[in-house]
Amino acid sequence: MSSTYLPPLLGESVHEVFYPDVQTTVNLFAIHLRSVAADWDYPAHEHPQYELNYVTEGEQWMTVNGHIYKQKAGELLLIPPGSIHSSQSRNDQGFTYFCMHFDIDDHLFLSLLARIKQVLFSSDSPVTQKIEPVLRKLMNTAPHPNPSAMVQRMQLQSAVFELFGHLWEAVSQEVAQSFTDSYEKIELAHQIRNRLQSLVSQQFKQGRETDTHYGIDDIASELGISSSHCNRVFKQVFGQSPRVVLSEMVLHEAKLLLVNSTRSIQQISSMLGYKDIAHFSRQFKRWSGVSPSQYRLERANEK
């Protein structure tokens, strides 16, 4: 069952800091550390995920979309989804490599990765140097006989998210010179969206009187842009105005409160910043097609 954060009543908090909400799904596939012999020859294949491939010993000859890369120990390959690639040992020597396939639903992160034209990163590359320590940590999470599977899985996920953070920093610097206005707009739009979510969490739930316009001008001011530019960039990226998305966020919180709390509709109305319950009820029905009380009853009957 979904749940929502219920803040303390006004006056109870001495100091409070809200962090961005995290709603990212990461899928990890075929993570392995493998040593191969001198006759290793893996046939051409492709997959819909990114592949991160790091050689720890020896040399790997990787062909990616017809281009041959000689990957030495300490070097990194980042292979985009859909790339046809194959792997071989040469020079009568085997090698050891660590490989991870990943998929992430963060569009801003994916838009950054999509701008990388480089496949092979040398050992002295800022990208490799930044994430090599985390790769080592990932390799150290290899299954052991004693720790529980849950502990290993949590350690693995922790290391992967740390790796993504370092990868973001390193790649951002690597491709900084090729950033375009479109990318900057995407990043700005996500900053606006994060602040909208903070408004829902921090201001609406503190019982302040507001309406769906509240906060947009303040957000624009914080980011050093005009309100018109704020609205235009946001709509270009998300296809909706900040005001509409803000309304959807409030509706989402209202639904969670109606289903997962015992608070009265009057209390929920006040928590979400409405002056009176009638205004909240009209707005909720306009959003969802049913009244708050009817929505609560229907969800209760589904349980």
Protein backbone atom coordinates (compact mmCIF):
# COMPACT_ATOMS: atom_id res chain seq x y z
CA MET A 1 0.00 0.00 0.00
CA SER A 2 1.26 3.50 -0.78
CA SER A 3 1.93 5.88 2.05
CA THR A 4 2.52 9.58 2.43
CA TYR A 5 4.60 11.67 4.80
CA LEU A 6 2.59 13.40 7.50
CA PRO A 7 4.56 16.39 8.85
CA PRO A 8 4.36 17.67 12.43
CA LEU A 9 1.83 20.33 13.28
CA LEU A 10 2.77 23.96 12.79
CA GLY A 11 5.04 25.19 15.53
CA GLU A 12 6.48 21.80 16.46
CA SER A 13 9.54 21.97 14.19
CA VAL A 14 12.53 24.03 15.28
CA HIS A 15 14.46 23.41 12.07
CA GLU A 16 13.59 21.36 9.02
CA VAL A 17 15.35 20.61 5.71
CA PHE A 18 13.59 18.82 2.86
CA TYR A 19 15.58 16.78 0.37
CA PRO A 20 14.46 15.97 -3.21
CA ASP A 21 12.08 13.04 -3.53
CA VAL A 22 13.67 9.99 -5.18
CA GLN A 23 11.46 8.10 -7.62
CA THR A 24 14.05 6.30 -9.72
CA THR A 25 13.93 2.67 -10.79
CA VAL A 26 17.20 0.91 -11.60
CA ASN A 27 17.41 -2.55 -13.14
CA LEU A 28 20.72 -4.43 -12.96
CA PHE A 29 21.46 -7.40 -15.19
CA ALA A 30 24.19 -10.01 -15.56
CA ILE A 31 26.68 -8.46 -13.14
CA HIS A 32 29.76 -10.65 -13.14
CA LEU A 33 33.50 -10.79 -12.55
CA ARG A 34 35.04 -13.27 -14.97
CA SER A 35 38.49 -14.59 -15.89
CA VAL A 36 38.77 -16.09 -19.37
CA ALA A 37 41.36 -18.20 -21.19
CA ALA A 38 43.49 -17.35 -24.21
CA ASP A 39 40.93 -18.91 -26.58
CA TRP A 40 38.04 -16.73 -25.36
CA ASP A 41 35.77 -15.63 -28.21
CA TYR A 42 32.31 -14.31 -27.34
CA PRO A 43 30.06 -13.91 -30.40
CA ALA A 44 28.45 -10.68 -31.57
CA HIS A 45 25.29 -9.76 -29.67
CA GLU A 46 23.29 -6.80 -28.45
CA HIS A 47 21.01 -5.93 -25.53
CA PRO A 48 18.67 -3.06 -24.61
CA GLN A 49 20.70 -1.95 -21.58
CA TYR A 50 23.91 -0.01 -21.12
CA GLU A 51 26.95 -2.21 -20.51
CA LEU A 52 29.78 -1.05 -18.28
CA ASN A 53 32.87 -3.22 -18.82
CA TYR A 54 36.13 -2.85 -16.85
CA VAL A 55 39.28 -4.94 -17.39
CA THR A 56 41.29 -5.73 -14.24
CA GLU A 57 44.01 -7.96 -15.77
CA GLY A 58 45.28 -8.59 -19.29
CA GLU A 59 43.76 -7.22 -22.49
CA GLN A 60 40.34 -7.53 -24.07
CA TRP A 61 39.65 -6.93 -27.74
CA MET A 62 36.09 -5.63 -27.99
CA THR A 63 34.38 -4.92 -31.30
CA VAL A 64 31.52 -2.40 -30.97
CA ASN A 65 29.45 -1.59 -34.05
CA GLY A 66 32.33 -2.66 -36.30
CA HIS A 67 35.02 -0.68 -34.46
CA ILE A 68 37.74 -2.65 -32.64
CA TYR A 69 38.87 -1.43 -29.22
CA LYS A 70 41.97 -2.80 -27.51
CA GLN A 71 41.02 -2.55 -23.83
CA LYS A 72 43.93 -2.81 -21.40
CA ALA A 73 43.84 -3.42 -17.66
CA GLY A 74 42.43 -0.38 -15.86
CA GLU A 75 40.43 0.80 -18.89
CA LEU A 76 36.68 1.16 -19.11
CA LEU A 77 34.12 0.52 -21.86
CA LEU A 78 30.66 2.11 -21.80
CA ILE A 79 28.57 0.39 -24.48
CA PRO A 80 25.25 2.04 -25.42
CA PRO A 81 22.02 0.02 -25.70
CA GLY A 82 21.50 -1.69 -29.06
CA SER A 83 25.20 -1.72 -29.93
CA ILE A 84 26.38 -4.93 -31.61
CA HIS A 85 29.53 -6.06 -29.82
CA SER A 86 31.78 -9.08 -29.40
CA SER A 87 34.78 -9.93 -27.20
CA GLN A 88 38.02 -11.83 -27.80
CA SER A 89 41.34 -12.79 -26.22
CA ARG A 90 44.40 -12.20 -28.37
CA ASN A 91 48.16 -12.50 -28.05
CA ASP A 92 47.70 -15.99 -26.53
CA GLN A 93 46.67 -14.49 -23.20
CA GLY A 94 43.51 -14.51 -21.16
CA PHE A 95 42.11 -11.58 -19.18
CA THR A 96 39.84 -10.72 -16.25
CA TYR A 97 36.98 -8.26 -16.49
CA PHE A 98 34.03 -6.92 -14.51
CA CYS A 99 30.77 -6.35 -16.36
CA MET A 100 27.45 -4.78 -15.43
CA HIS A 101 24.33 -4.13 -17.53
CA PHE A 102 21.96 -1.46 -16.27
CA ASP A 103 18.76 0.33 -17.14
CA ILE A 104 17.52 3.43 -15.30
CA ASP A 105 14.30 5.40 -15.74
CA ASP A 106 15.90 8.78 -14.96
CA HIS A 107 15.48 10.67 -18.23
CA LEU A 108 17.94 13.39 -17.26
CA PHE A 109 20.65 10.82 -16.54
CA LEU A 110 19.90 8.97 -19.78
CA SER A 111 20.02 12.19 -21.76
CA LEU A 112 23.51 12.80 -20.41
CA LEU A 113 24.72 9.28 -21.25
CA ALA A 114 23.24 9.58 -24.76
CA ARG A 115 25.55 12.52 -25.45
CA ILE A 116 28.67 10.44 -24.87
CA LYS A 117 30.23 9.51 -28.20
CA GLN A 118 33.29 7.93 -26.58
CA VAL A 119 33.16 4.18 -25.90
CA LEU A 120 36.63 3.41 -24.48
CA PHE A 121 37.99 5.41 -21.52
CA SER A 122 41.69 5.07 -20.72
CA SER A 123 42.93 4.41 -17.20
CA ASP A 124 43.91 8.07 -16.76
CA SER A 125 40.57 9.36 -18.05
CA PRO A 126 38.66 11.48 -15.50
CA VAL A 127 35.67 9.17 -15.99
CA THR A 128 37.67 6.02 -15.21
CA GLN A 129 39.53 7.57 -12.30
CA LYS A 130 36.31 8.86 -10.78
CA ILE A 131 34.43 5.57 -10.79
CA GLU A 132 37.29 3.04 -10.47
CA PRO A 133 37.16 3.02 -6.63
CA VAL A 134 33.42 2.31 -6.74
CA LEU A 135 33.95 -0.44 -9.30
CA ARG A 136 36.38 -2.02 -6.86
CA LYS A 137 33.74 -1.77 -4.15
CA LEU A 138 31.24 -3.46 -6.46
CA MET A 139 33.68 -6.25 -7.15
CA ASN A 140 34.14 -6.72 -3.42
CA THR A 141 30.39 -7.32 -3.01
CA ALA A 142 30.75 -10.60 -4.90
CA PRO A 143 28.77 -13.36 -3.15
CA HIS A 144 30.37 -14.79 -0.03
CA PRO A 145 29.27 -17.95 1.75
CA ASN A 146 28.23 -16.33 5.04
CA PRO A 147 26.42 -12.96 4.58
CA SER A 148 22.70 -13.14 3.81
CA ALA A 149 21.41 -12.59 0.30
CA MET A 150 19.55 -9.49 1.50
CA VAL A 151 22.71 -7.91 2.91
CA GLN A 152 24.58 -8.58 -0.31
CA ARG A 153 21.76 -7.16 -2.41
CA MET A 154 21.55 -3.97 -0.33
CA GLN A 155 25.33 -3.53 -0.47
CA LEU A 156 25.24 -4.00 -4.21
CA GLN A 157 22.48 -1.43 -4.70
CA SER A 158 24.27 1.06 -2.45
CA ALA A 159 27.49 0.74 -4.46
CA VAL A 160 25.62 1.02 -7.78
CA PHE A 161 23.92 4.28 -6.81
CA GLU A 162 27.26 5.63 -5.59
CA LEU A 163 28.73 4.66 -8.96
CA PHE A 164 25.96 6.49 -10.81
CA GLY A 165 26.63 9.61 -8.76
CA HIS A 166 30.33 9.58 -9.63
CA LEU A 167 29.56 8.70 -13.25
CA TRP A 168 27.23 11.69 -13.47
CA GLU A 169 29.91 14.05 -12.14
CA ALA A 170 32.67 12.67 -14.32
CA VAL A 171 30.68 12.49 -17.55
CA SER A 172 29.22 15.96 -16.97
CA GLN A 173 32.76 17.35 -16.91
CA GLU A 174 33.81 15.20 -19.87
CA VAL A 175 31.05 16.45 -22.16
CA ALA A 176 30.65 19.91 -20.69
CA GLN A 177 32.01 21.56 -23.80
CA SER A 178 29.35 19.92 -25.97
CA PHE A 179 26.33 20.79 -23.82
CA THR A 180 23.54 22.35 -25.84
CA ASP A 181 20.64 24.56 -24.90
CA SER A 182 18.32 21.56 -25.08
CA TYR A 183 20.25 19.71 -22.37
CA GLU A 184 20.38 22.78 -20.17
CA LYS A 185 16.63 23.12 -20.57
CA ILE A 186 16.12 19.52 -19.46
CA GLU A 187 18.23 20.08 -16.35
CA LEU A 188 16.46 23.36 -15.56
CA ALA A 189 13.04 21.73 -16.00
CA HIS A 190 13.99 18.98 -13.54
CA GLN A 191 15.17 21.59 -11.04
CA ILE A 192 11.80 23.31 -11.34
CA ARG A 193 9.99 20.00 -10.86
CA ASN A 194 12.03 19.20 -7.73
CA ARG A 195 11.07 22.55 -6.26
CA LEU A 196 7.42 21.94 -7.08
CA GLN A 197 7.60 18.66 -5.17
CA SER A 198 9.21 20.50 -2.25
CA LEU A 199 6.29 22.94 -2.23
CA VAL A 200 3.86 20.06 -1.92
CA SER A 201 5.86 18.48 0.89
CA GLN A 202 6.91 21.57 2.75
CA GLN A 203 4.37 24.33 2.28
CA PHE A 204 1.02 22.83 1.32
CA LYS A 205 1.21 20.30 4.15
CA GLN A 206 1.89 22.99 6.73
CA GLY A 207 -1.66 24.29 6.36
CA ARG A 208 -0.89 27.55 4.61
CA GLU A 209 -3.55 29.18 2.49
CA THR A 210 -2.64 28.86 -1.16
CA ASP A 211 -3.92 27.99 -4.61
CA THR A 212 -2.49 26.17 -7.60
CA HIS A 213 -0.51 29.27 -8.66
CA TYR A 214 1.38 29.54 -5.39
CA GLY A 215 5.13 29.08 -5.61
CA ILE A 216 5.76 29.33 -9.36
CA ASP A 217 7.02 32.91 -9.21
CA ASP A 218 9.10 32.09 -6.13
CA ILE A 219 10.70 29.13 -7.89
CA ALA A 220 11.58 31.26 -10.90
CA SER A 221 13.12 33.88 -8.62
CA GLU A 222 15.21 31.26 -6.78
CA LEU A 223 16.55 29.96 -10.09
CA GLY A 224 17.29 33.46 -11.37
CA ILE A 225 14.88 33.28 -14.31
CA SER A 226 11.65 35.02 -15.26
CA SER A 227 8.29 33.37 -14.60
CA SER A 228 7.57 33.25 -18.32
CA HIS A 229 10.88 31.47 -19.01
CA CYS A 230 10.17 29.09 -16.13
CA ASN A 231 6.79 28.15 -17.60
CA ARG A 232 8.08 27.92 -21.18
CA VAL A 233 11.08 25.65 -20.42
CA PHE A 234 9.04 23.39 -18.16
CA LYS A 235 6.31 22.93 -20.76
CA GLN A 236 8.86 22.24 -23.52
CA VAL A 237 10.36 19.38 -21.50
CA PHE A 238 7.33 17.89 -19.73
CA GLY A 239 4.54 18.91 -22.11
CA GLN A 240 2.56 20.53 -19.28
CA SER A 241 2.79 23.79 -17.42
CA PRO A 242 4.24 23.89 -13.87
CA ARG A 243 0.79 24.84 -12.61
CA VAL A 244 -0.80 21.69 -14.08
CA VAL A 245 1.95 19.43 -12.74
CA LEU A 246 1.67 21.10 -9.34
CA SER A 247 -2.07 20.36 -9.36
CA GLU A 248 -1.35 16.71 -10.19
CA MET A 249 1.10 16.50 -7.29
CA VAL A 250 -1.46 17.93 -4.89
CA LEU A 251 -4.10 15.51 -6.20
CA HIS A 252 -1.70 12.61 -5.67
CA GLU A 253 -1.06 13.67 -2.07
CA ALA A 254 -4.78 14.20 -1.49
CA LYS A 255 -5.57 10.68 -2.69
CA LEU A 256 -2.89 9.16 -0.47
CA LEU A 257 -4.18 11.06 2.56
CA LEU A 258 -7.77 10.06 1.87
CA VAL A 259 -6.90 6.37 1.56
CA ASN A 260 -4.06 5.95 4.05
CA SER A 261 -5.00 8.20 6.96
CA THR A 262 -7.90 8.50 9.37
CA ARG A 263 -7.90 12.29 9.18
CA SER A 264 -11.15 13.98 8.28
CA ILE A 265 -11.64 15.57 4.89
CA GLN A 266 -11.66 18.93 6.66
CA GLN A 267 -8.22 18.20 8.14
CA ILE A 268 -6.86 17.00 4.79
CA SER A 269 -8.23 20.10 3.13
CA SER A 270 -6.37 22.29 5.63
CA MET A 271 -3.16 20.26 5.31
CA LEU A 272 -3.18 20.83 1.58
CA GLY A 273 -3.60 24.57 2.06
CA TYR A 274 -7.25 25.13 1.12
CA LYS A 275 -9.22 27.90 2.77
CA ASP A 276 -12.31 25.76 3.21
CA ILE A 277 -13.49 22.21 2.60
CA ALA A 278 -15.93 23.31 -0.12
CA HIS A 279 -13.10 24.72 -2.24
CA PHE A 280 -11.09 21.53 -1.78
CA SER A 281 -14.07 19.31 -2.64
CA ARG A 282 -14.82 21.25 -5.83
CA GLN A 283 -11.20 21.14 -6.91
CA PHE A 284 -10.83 17.42 -6.12
CA LYS A 285 -13.97 16.56 -8.09
CA ARG A 286 -12.76 18.63 -11.03
CA TRP A 287 -9.46 16.70 -10.97
CA SER A 288 -10.73 13.18 -10.40
CA GLY A 289 -14.42 13.21 -11.34
CA VAL A 290 -15.62 12.21 -7.85
CA SER A 291 -15.87 13.95 -4.49
CA PRO A 292 -13.26 13.31 -1.76
CA SER A 293 -15.77 11.35 0.33
CA GLN A 294 -16.82 9.22 -2.64
CA TYR A 295 -13.19 8.54 -3.56
CA ARG A 296 -12.41 7.45 0.03
CA LEU A 297 -15.45 5.16 0.09
CA GLU A 298 -14.61 3.55 -3.27
CA ARG A 299 -11.01 2.85 -2.23
CA ALA A 300 -12.18 1.42 1.11
CA ASN A 301 -14.55 -0.99 -0.71
CA GLU A 302 -11.66 -2.21 -2.88
CA LYS A 303 -9.66 -3.40 0.13
